[in-house]
Structure formats: C-alpha cells, structure tokens
Amino acid sequence: MQRLLDILLSGLALLVLSPLMLVVMFVLRFTGEGEIFFIQQRVGFGGEMFGLYKFATMLKASPGIGAGTVTIKDDPRVLPFGRFLRKTKINELPQLLNIFRGDMSVIGPRPQTRRCFDAFPLRSQIEIVKVRPGLSGVGSIVFRGEEALLSHQDDSLRFYDDVIAPYKGLLEEWYVCHSSLRLYLICIFVTAWVVIFPSSKIAYRIFKGLPMLPTELSEMNS
C-alpha cells in the first residue's frame, strides 16, 4: 500500500509542480554555473547506492571544498539562487523522480552520502537499510535546522559525527521499528506542518517515545 501511495503521490506532485520545476530549470540554466541537476550517490534500500536528484544549488566542486558533503548555514559554496531553493526546499523536488522510480519513498530515513552514513552507529546502519529512504521522515523533521546547528560549532564535522549522527541514527531506527501506513501518513502531515511553522516542536508531541535528546542538543534547543 505504501508503494502504491508513493507512486500516486509522486506522480500527482510531478504533474502539478511541473510548471514550477520548468521555471527553476530555466533560471538555473542561465545563472550560476549553468547546471540544472545535481546527482549524488546515496545509500539506499539494502545498502545499495543510487543517484539522488536535486536541483543544483552549490558549486560543482563543492564536495571537495570545506565541509565536503556536510552543509552548514550560510555555506559559501551555495550559489545565490541556490540559497532560495534550499530555504524553500524546492531544490528537493527532483527527488519525486526517485520516488516514482522506486529508489525512494515519500517517507523514510533520509538517504545519506556514504561519508555521513558511515558516521551512524553500526546498529543504526543495519536498521536503516531495511526500508526505502524517504524524501522526508522523522530524522528530517527533527533535524530540519541541522545547517543552523552546525553553523554554531567551531568544528562542525566533529559535532556532526559525535552528536548529530548518533542521535539521528536512533531516530531513523525508531521509524523503522514503528513503520506503518499510519505513521507514513502522520509523517506527511507533520512534514507539511513544520514547513509552514519551522519553529514548531510538534514532532515530540506527535511521535510518542522518541529517543531522548542528547545533552548537547537539548541545551541548544532550550
């Protein structure tokens, strides 16, 4: 049933949003470096790698500059139009193609680059690859402000590896353990809610029994 909903929802979204996506493609073609899509290898279902589609928002050489595959707030590698696309999440729309193809689901653990996936605890890695990765999910909802969190750290990569990745891994484990059609639908609602109300703490009220925030994160959220 979830796969059927994935096909129906992604197909409908592609149809409805195609005019917007065409405009974005036109602007990208004639601004920045002229690149339209950015295809990055991510860890998917069963641990297999797949090409994740995004609208290009950063310099082509960005994976080899600065923080690599970890992006921070006001990252200098992000192009001017790319900042708008990232802020509005429009840059994620091409992943509807990944969903329609079956690489991803609307809801699931967020697909990671190999470098970020390897930062998760081994137990989390084993659980995460049991389901299709998602456009959104519990981990994505809780860490929607991840770039801002990292921007306040002197060593953003260490903070990601030692604090964010372990907790995010626990959140994705929680989703896999409780995965159901009901949770799938609730995650879609909560995702829409936090897009409209970014400062909302609704996740911890809706998703009962989430792993407790580590001290470093709870202090920053207080």
Protein backbone atom coordinates (compact mmCIF):
# COMPACT_ATOMS: atom_id res chain seq x y z
CA MET A 1 0.00 0.00 0.00
CA GLN A 2 2.83 2.40 0.83
CA ARG A 3 4.49 1.78 -2.54
CA LEU A 4 1.17 2.41 -4.29
CA LEU A 5 0.80 5.69 -2.39
CA ASP A 6 4.38 6.60 -3.30
CA ILE A 7 3.60 6.18 -7.00
CA LEU A 8 0.29 8.05 -6.83
CA LEU A 9 1.60 10.94 -4.69
CA SER A 10 4.86 11.41 -6.59
CA GLY A 11 3.12 11.15 -9.96
CA LEU A 12 0.48 13.70 -8.96
CA ALA A 13 3.10 16.03 -7.47
CA LEU A 14 5.23 15.86 -10.63
CA LEU A 15 2.19 16.74 -12.72
CA VAL A 16 1.07 19.65 -10.51
CA LEU A 17 4.56 21.05 -9.87
CA SER A 18 5.94 20.65 -13.40
CA PRO A 19 5.35 24.36 -14.31
CA LEU A 20 7.34 25.46 -11.24
CA MET A 21 10.09 22.95 -11.95
CA LEU A 22 10.36 24.14 -15.56
CA VAL A 23 10.79 27.74 -14.39
CA VAL A 24 13.51 26.67 -11.93
CA MET A 25 15.28 24.69 -14.67
CA PHE A 26 15.23 27.74 -16.96
CA VAL A 27 16.66 30.04 -14.26
CA LEU A 28 19.38 27.55 -13.31
CA ARG A 29 20.39 27.09 -16.94
CA PHE A 30 21.17 30.79 -17.31
CA THR A 31 22.55 31.60 -13.84
CA GLY A 32 25.37 30.37 -11.62
CA GLU A 33 27.40 27.68 -13.36
CA GLY A 34 24.58 26.77 -15.75
CA GLU A 35 23.99 23.37 -14.14
CA ILE A 36 20.38 22.23 -13.66
CA PHE A 37 20.58 18.95 -11.77
CA PHE A 38 22.97 17.64 -9.18
CA ILE A 39 23.10 13.84 -8.95
CA GLN A 40 24.75 12.46 -5.83
CA GLN A 41 25.31 8.87 -4.81
CA ARG A 42 23.39 7.99 -1.64
CA VAL A 43 22.93 4.82 0.40
CA GLY A 44 19.54 3.27 -0.33
CA PHE A 45 17.44 0.18 0.33
CA GLY A 46 19.54 -2.86 1.14
CA GLY A 47 22.67 -0.71 1.34
CA GLU A 48 22.74 -0.26 -2.45
CA MET A 49 23.93 3.09 -3.81
CA PHE A 50 21.64 5.13 -6.07
CA GLY A 51 21.75 8.52 -7.76
CA LEU A 52 19.70 11.08 -5.84
CA TYR A 53 18.39 14.01 -7.90
CA LYS A 54 18.42 17.61 -6.72
CA PHE A 55 18.35 20.98 -8.39
CA ALA A 56 21.92 22.33 -8.47
CA THR A 57 22.43 24.83 -5.65
CA MET A 58 26.17 24.65 -4.98
CA LEU A 59 29.45 24.98 -6.84
CA LYS A 60 30.23 21.86 -8.86
CA ALA A 61 33.47 21.40 -6.92
CA SER A 62 31.76 21.74 -3.52
CA PRO A 63 32.21 18.07 -2.41
CA GLY A 64 35.94 18.68 -2.37
CA ILE A 65 35.76 22.08 -0.64
CA GLY A 66 35.23 22.99 3.00
CA ALA A 67 32.98 20.59 4.92
CA GLY A 68 32.56 18.24 1.95
CA THR A 69 29.15 16.56 1.97
CA VAL A 70 28.12 18.27 5.23
CA THR A 71 26.43 21.63 4.60
CA ILE A 72 26.29 24.44 7.15
CA LYS A 73 24.17 27.59 7.33
CA ASP A 74 25.38 30.39 5.02
CA ASP A 75 27.75 27.91 3.38
CA PRO A 76 29.90 29.96 0.94
CA ARG A 77 29.71 27.12 -1.61
CA VAL A 78 25.97 27.74 -2.14
CA LEU A 79 25.11 29.82 -5.21
CA PRO A 80 22.81 32.90 -4.85
CA PHE A 81 19.71 31.33 -6.45
CA GLY A 82 20.60 28.12 -4.69
CA ARG A 83 20.06 29.79 -1.31
CA PHE A 84 16.44 30.47 -2.23
CA LEU A 85 15.95 26.92 -3.50
CA ARG A 86 17.43 25.42 -0.32
CA LYS A 87 15.49 27.70 2.02
CA THR A 88 12.18 26.81 0.36
CA LYS A 89 13.19 23.13 -0.14
CA ILE A 90 12.40 23.49 -3.85
CA ASN A 91 15.83 22.01 -4.55
CA GLU A 92 14.49 18.66 -3.28
CA LEU A 93 11.62 18.43 -5.81
CA PRO A 94 13.54 16.34 -8.40
CA GLN A 95 13.56 13.53 -5.84
CA LEU A 96 9.94 12.96 -6.81
CA LEU A 97 11.51 11.17 -9.79
CA ASN A 98 13.48 8.96 -7.38
CA ILE A 99 10.23 8.13 -5.58
CA PHE A 100 8.36 7.36 -8.80
CA ARG A 101 11.23 5.10 -9.95
CA GLY A 102 11.27 3.22 -6.65
CA ASP A 103 14.66 4.41 -5.34
CA MET A 104 12.92 6.22 -2.50
CA SER A 105 9.64 6.57 -0.64
CA VAL A 106 7.79 9.76 0.31
CA ILE A 107 8.57 8.91 3.95
CA GLY A 108 11.56 7.03 5.32
CA PRO A 109 15.07 7.54 6.72
CA ARG A 110 16.76 10.35 4.84
CA PRO A 111 19.26 8.89 2.32
CA GLN A 112 22.84 9.75 3.28
CA THR A 113 26.11 10.03 1.42
CA ARG A 114 28.50 7.21 2.24
CA ARG A 115 30.55 9.53 4.46
CA CYS A 116 27.54 10.61 6.55
CA PHE A 117 26.02 7.11 6.60
CA ASP A 118 29.26 5.69 8.00
CA ALA A 119 29.05 8.23 10.85
CA PHE A 120 25.90 6.46 12.10
CA PRO A 121 26.35 3.71 14.72
CA LEU A 122 26.58 0.26 13.10
CA ARG A 123 23.27 -0.80 14.70
CA SER A 124 21.52 2.17 13.10
CA GLN A 125 23.07 1.43 9.70
CA ILE A 126 21.76 -2.14 9.79
CA GLU A 127 18.20 -0.98 10.58
CA ILE A 128 18.08 1.98 8.21
CA VAL A 129 18.73 -0.04 5.04
CA LYS A 130 15.77 -2.33 5.78
CA VAL A 131 13.38 0.23 4.24
CA ARG A 132 13.45 2.64 1.31
CA PRO A 133 14.93 6.04 2.17
CA GLY A 134 12.50 8.95 2.17
CA LEU A 135 12.03 12.47 0.91
CA SER A 136 11.09 13.26 4.50
CA GLY A 137 10.89 11.33 7.73
CA VAL A 138 11.27 11.55 11.48
CA GLY A 139 15.00 12.32 11.30
CA SER A 140 14.44 15.00 8.67
CA ILE A 141 11.65 16.61 10.69
CA VAL A 142 13.64 16.75 13.94
CA PHE A 143 16.80 17.97 12.19
CA ARG A 144 15.20 20.42 9.77
CA GLY A 145 17.52 23.07 11.26
CA GLU A 146 20.67 20.97 11.01
CA GLU A 147 22.60 23.52 8.96
CA ALA A 148 21.96 26.21 11.58
CA LEU A 149 23.06 23.86 14.37
CA LEU A 150 26.34 23.14 12.60
CA SER A 151 27.00 26.82 11.88
CA HIS A 152 27.37 27.50 15.62
CA GLN A 153 30.11 24.90 16.06
CA ASP A 154 33.85 25.56 15.89
CA ASP A 155 34.34 22.06 14.50
CA SER A 156 31.17 21.29 12.55
CA LEU A 157 32.36 17.90 11.27
CA ARG A 158 33.24 16.67 14.76
CA PHE A 159 29.88 17.86 16.09
CA TYR A 160 28.08 16.07 13.27
CA ASP A 161 29.96 12.82 13.81
CA ASP A 162 29.86 12.83 17.62
CA VAL A 163 26.46 14.37 18.38
CA ILE A 164 24.09 14.68 15.41
CA ALA A 165 24.80 11.41 13.56
CA PRO A 166 24.37 9.10 16.59
CA TYR A 167 21.07 10.72 17.58
CA LYS A 168 19.79 10.91 14.02
CA GLY A 169 20.61 7.22 13.70
CA LEU A 170 18.44 6.49 16.76
CA LEU A 171 15.56 8.49 15.26
CA GLU A 172 15.75 6.55 12.00
CA GLU A 173 15.88 3.28 13.96
CA TRP A 174 12.74 4.37 15.80
CA TYR A 175 10.98 4.99 12.47
CA VAL A 176 11.94 1.59 11.05
CA CYS A 177 10.81 -0.16 14.24
CA HIS A 178 7.42 1.61 14.23
CA SER A 179 6.94 1.75 10.46
CA SER A 180 3.29 1.52 9.41
CA LEU A 181 0.87 3.11 6.97
CA ARG A 182 -0.50 5.24 9.83
CA LEU A 183 2.97 6.56 10.70
CA TYR A 184 3.64 7.18 6.99
CA LEU A 185 0.55 9.41 6.76
CA ILE A 186 1.30 11.18 10.05
CA CYS A 187 4.83 11.98 8.85
CA ILE A 188 3.42 13.57 5.69
CA PHE A 189 1.17 15.79 7.83
CA VAL A 190 3.95 16.73 10.26
CA THR A 191 6.34 17.50 7.38
CA ALA A 192 3.81 19.93 5.89
CA TRP A 193 3.26 21.46 9.34
CA VAL A 194 6.94 22.18 10.04
CA VAL A 195 7.43 23.62 6.55
CA ILE A 196 4.69 26.17 7.38
CA PHE A 197 5.75 26.59 11.02
CA PRO A 198 9.55 25.98 11.09
CA SER A 199 9.95 26.70 14.82
CA SER A 200 7.26 24.19 15.85
CA LYS A 201 8.21 21.43 18.33
CA ILE A 202 5.30 19.28 17.19
CA ALA A 203 7.45 16.20 16.49
CA TYR A 204 7.94 15.34 20.17
CA ARG A 205 4.22 15.74 20.82
CA ILE A 206 3.07 13.65 17.86
CA PHE A 207 5.72 10.92 17.82
CA LYS A 208 5.46 9.34 21.25
CA GLY A 209 8.51 7.57 22.64
CA LEU A 210 11.21 9.19 20.51
CA PRO A 211 14.76 8.72 21.81
CA MET A 212 15.73 11.42 24.30
CA LEU A 213 17.76 14.35 23.02
CA PRO A 214 21.44 14.19 23.97
CA THR A 215 22.55 16.89 26.40
CA GLU A 216 24.40 18.93 23.74
CA LEU A 217 21.25 19.20 21.61
CA SER A 218 18.76 19.73 24.44
CA GLU A 219 20.83 22.69 25.69
CA MET A 220 20.79 24.25 22.23
CA ASN A 221 17.02 23.76 21.88
CA SER A 222 16.21 25.17 25.33
